[in-house]
Amino acid sequence: MTAPAKETHVSMPVSDRIAADYRQRIRSGALPTGTVLPTVEAIQAEYAAYGRDGKISAMPVRQALYALRNEGLVAFRPGVGNVVIGGTDG
C-alpha cells in the first residue's frame, strides 16, 4: 500500500491523514470486510515521508486505528491484529 501524495493532506495531523486514507480504502471496498490491516510498524513505514527525518512514531498510527475502531470500521482481534469489520459502500 502506498501513502497518497504528501500535498493532498498538507495541514492535517499525521493521525488524521492515516485515518482518512484507511477510511477511504475501507469504504471504497479496496479493504473489504475481513481484511487484516498492516501492523503499526508497517503503517509507520508507509507514512514515513510525513515525519521528521523520514519517520513517524507509533502514536499517530495508534490514534488513527483507534478512530477507525470508534467509527465501527475496524476491530482489534487478539492474536490477529486490526481487522476490517464494516464500512463498504453498497
C-alpha atoms as a PDB file:
ATOM      1  CA  MET A   1       0.000   0.000   0.000  1.00  0.00           C
ATOM      2  CA  THR A   2       1.225   3.438  -0.782  1.00  0.00           C
ATOM      3  CA  ALA A   3       0.552   6.639   1.070  1.00  0.00           C
ATOM      4  CA  PRO A   4      -1.077   9.357  -1.036  1.00  0.00           C
ATOM      5  CA  ALA A   5       0.918  12.309  -2.289  1.00  0.00           C
ATOM      6  CA  LYS A   6       2.048  14.462   0.608  1.00  0.00           C
ATOM      7  CA  GLU A   7       0.436  17.574  -0.880  1.00  0.00           C
ATOM      8  CA  THR A   8      -3.099  16.186  -0.568  1.00  0.00           C
ATOM      9  CA  HIS A   9      -3.117  16.497   3.226  1.00  0.00           C
ATOM     10  CA  VAL A  10      -0.738  19.372   3.891  1.00  0.00           C
ATOM     11  CA  SER A  11      -2.369  20.792   7.023  1.00  0.00           C
ATOM     12  CA  MET A  12      -3.714  17.543   8.556  1.00  0.00           C
ATOM     13  CA  PRO A  13      -2.078  15.875  11.545  1.00  0.00           C
ATOM     14  CA  VAL A  14      -0.480  12.557  10.559  1.00  0.00           C
ATOM     15  CA  SER A  15      -3.025  10.558  12.581  1.00  0.00           C
ATOM     16  CA  ASP A  16      -5.884  12.227  10.690  1.00  0.00           C
ATOM     17  CA  ARG A  17      -4.172  11.560   7.343  1.00  0.00           C
ATOM     18  CA  ILE A  18      -3.783   7.896   8.157  1.00  0.00           C
ATOM     19  CA  ALA A  19      -7.366   7.560   9.410  1.00  0.00           C
ATOM     20  CA  ALA A  20      -8.738   9.381   6.337  1.00  0.00           C
ATOM     21  CA  ASP A  21      -6.756   7.229   3.932  1.00  0.00           C
ATOM     22  CA  TYR A  22      -7.721   3.933   5.566  1.00  0.00           C
ATOM     23  CA  ARG A  23     -11.345   5.097   5.949  1.00  0.00           C
ATOM     24  CA  GLN A  24     -11.492   5.774   2.218  1.00  0.00           C
ATOM     25  CA  ARG A  25      -9.899   2.413   1.391  1.00  0.00           C
ATOM     26  CA  ILE A  26     -12.388   0.598   3.612  1.00  0.00           C
ATOM     27  CA  ARG A  27     -15.448   2.459   2.345  1.00  0.00           C
ATOM     28  CA  SER A  28     -14.440   2.029  -1.298  1.00  0.00           C
ATOM     29  CA  GLY A  29     -14.061  -1.717  -0.853  1.00  0.00           C
ATOM     30  CA  ALA A  30     -10.309  -1.672  -1.501  1.00  0.00           C
ATOM     31  CA  LEU A  31     -10.015  -3.145   2.009  1.00  0.00           C
ATOM     32  CA  PRO A  32     -13.034  -5.469   2.272  1.00  0.00           C
ATOM     33  CA  THR A  33     -14.545  -6.886   5.458  1.00  0.00           C
ATOM     34  CA  GLY A  34     -12.212  -9.443   6.999  1.00  0.00           C
ATOM     35  CA  THR A  35      -9.015  -7.817   5.759  1.00  0.00           C
ATOM     36  CA  VAL A  36      -6.285  -7.668   8.393  1.00  0.00           C
ATOM     37  CA  LEU A  37      -4.688  -4.233   8.349  1.00  0.00           C
ATOM     38  CA  PRO A  38      -0.914  -3.853   8.286  1.00  0.00           C
ATOM     39  CA  THR A  39       0.938  -3.738  11.592  1.00  0.00           C
ATOM     40  CA  VAL A  40       1.604  -0.438  13.344  1.00  0.00           C
ATOM     41  CA  GLU A  41       5.215  -0.713  12.193  1.00  0.00           C
ATOM     42  CA  ALA A  42       4.201  -1.274   8.564  1.00  0.00           C
ATOM     43  CA  ILE A  43       1.876   1.738   8.649  1.00  0.00           C
ATOM     44  CA  GLN A  44       4.685   3.799  10.200  1.00  0.00           C
ATOM     45  CA  ALA A  45       6.884   2.866   7.247  1.00  0.00           C
ATOM     46  CA  GLU A  46       4.076   3.607   4.772  1.00  0.00           C
ATOM     47  CA  TYR A  47       3.675   7.157   6.129  1.00  0.00           C
ATOM     48  CA  ALA A  48       7.335   7.833   6.956  1.00  0.00           C
ATOM     49  CA  ALA A  49       7.508  10.670   4.433  1.00  0.00           C
ATOM     50  CA  TYR A  50       5.177  12.728   6.635  1.00  0.00           C
ATOM     51  CA  GLY A  51       7.508  12.662   9.621  1.00  0.00           C
ATOM     52  CA  ARG A  52      10.687  14.378  10.563  1.00  0.00           C
ATOM     53  CA  ASP A  53      13.822  12.644   9.366  1.00  0.00           C
ATOM     54  CA  GLY A  54      11.685  10.298   7.262  1.00  0.00           C
ATOM     55  CA  LYS A  55       9.894   8.531  10.106  1.00  0.00           C
ATOM     56  CA  ILE A  56       6.852   8.838  12.363  1.00  0.00           C
ATOM     57  CA  SER A  57       6.243   7.462  15.828  1.00  0.00           C
ATOM     58  CA  ALA A  58       3.748   4.729  16.607  1.00  0.00           C
ATOM     59  CA  MET A  59       1.417   7.146  18.421  1.00  0.00           C
ATOM     60  CA  PRO A  60      -0.260   8.725  15.349  1.00  0.00           C
ATOM     61  CA  VAL A  61      -0.790   5.264  13.874  1.00  0.00           C
ATOM     62  CA  ARG A  62      -2.422   4.058  17.095  1.00  0.00           C
ATOM     63  CA  GLN A  63      -4.579   7.204  17.207  1.00  0.00           C
ATOM     64  CA  ALA A  64      -5.736   6.584  13.628  1.00  0.00           C
ATOM     65  CA  LEU A  65      -6.571   2.944  14.357  1.00  0.00           C
ATOM     66  CA  TYR A  66      -8.448   3.984  17.500  1.00  0.00           C
ATOM     67  CA  ALA A  67     -10.508   6.454  15.435  1.00  0.00           C
ATOM     68  CA  LEU A  68     -11.344   3.731  12.900  1.00  0.00           C
ATOM     69  CA  ARG A  69     -12.374   1.403  15.739  1.00  0.00           C
ATOM     70  CA  ASN A  70     -14.634   4.105  17.217  1.00  0.00           C
ATOM     71  CA  GLU A  71     -16.289   4.523  13.815  1.00  0.00           C
ATOM     72  CA  GLY A  72     -17.052   0.808  13.640  1.00  0.00           C
ATOM     73  CA  LEU A  73     -14.826   0.234  10.625  1.00  0.00           C
ATOM     74  CA  VAL A  74     -12.113  -1.808  12.342  1.00  0.00           C
ATOM     75  CA  ALA A  75     -11.916  -4.130  15.349  1.00  0.00           C
ATOM     76  CA  PHE A  76      -8.867  -5.403  17.195  1.00  0.00           C
ATOM     77  CA  ARG A  77      -8.657  -9.188  17.349  1.00  0.00           C
ATOM     78  CA  PRO A  78      -6.064 -10.559  19.811  1.00  0.00           C
ATOM     79  CA  GLY A  79      -3.526 -12.695  18.018  1.00  0.00           C
ATOM     80  CA  VAL A  80      -4.664 -11.355  14.649  1.00  0.00           C
ATOM     81  CA  GLY A  81      -4.495  -7.559  14.651  1.00  0.00           C
ATOM     82  CA  ASN A  82      -6.816  -4.872  13.365  1.00  0.00           C
ATOM     83  CA  VAL A  83      -9.495  -6.329  11.093  1.00  0.00           C
ATOM     84  CA  VAL A  84     -11.945  -4.510   8.808  1.00  0.00           C
ATOM     85  CA  ILE A  85     -15.467  -5.193  10.075  1.00  0.00           C
ATOM     86  CA  GLY A  86     -17.605  -2.842   8.015  1.00  0.00           C
ATOM     87  CA  GLY A  87     -17.991   0.366   6.099  1.00  0.00           C
ATOM     88  CA  THR A  88     -18.134  -0.707   2.476  1.00  0.00           C
ATOM     89  CA  ASP A  89     -20.476   1.487   0.476  1.00  0.00           C
ATOM     90  CA  GLY A  90     -23.021  -0.730  -1.050  1.00  0.00           C
END
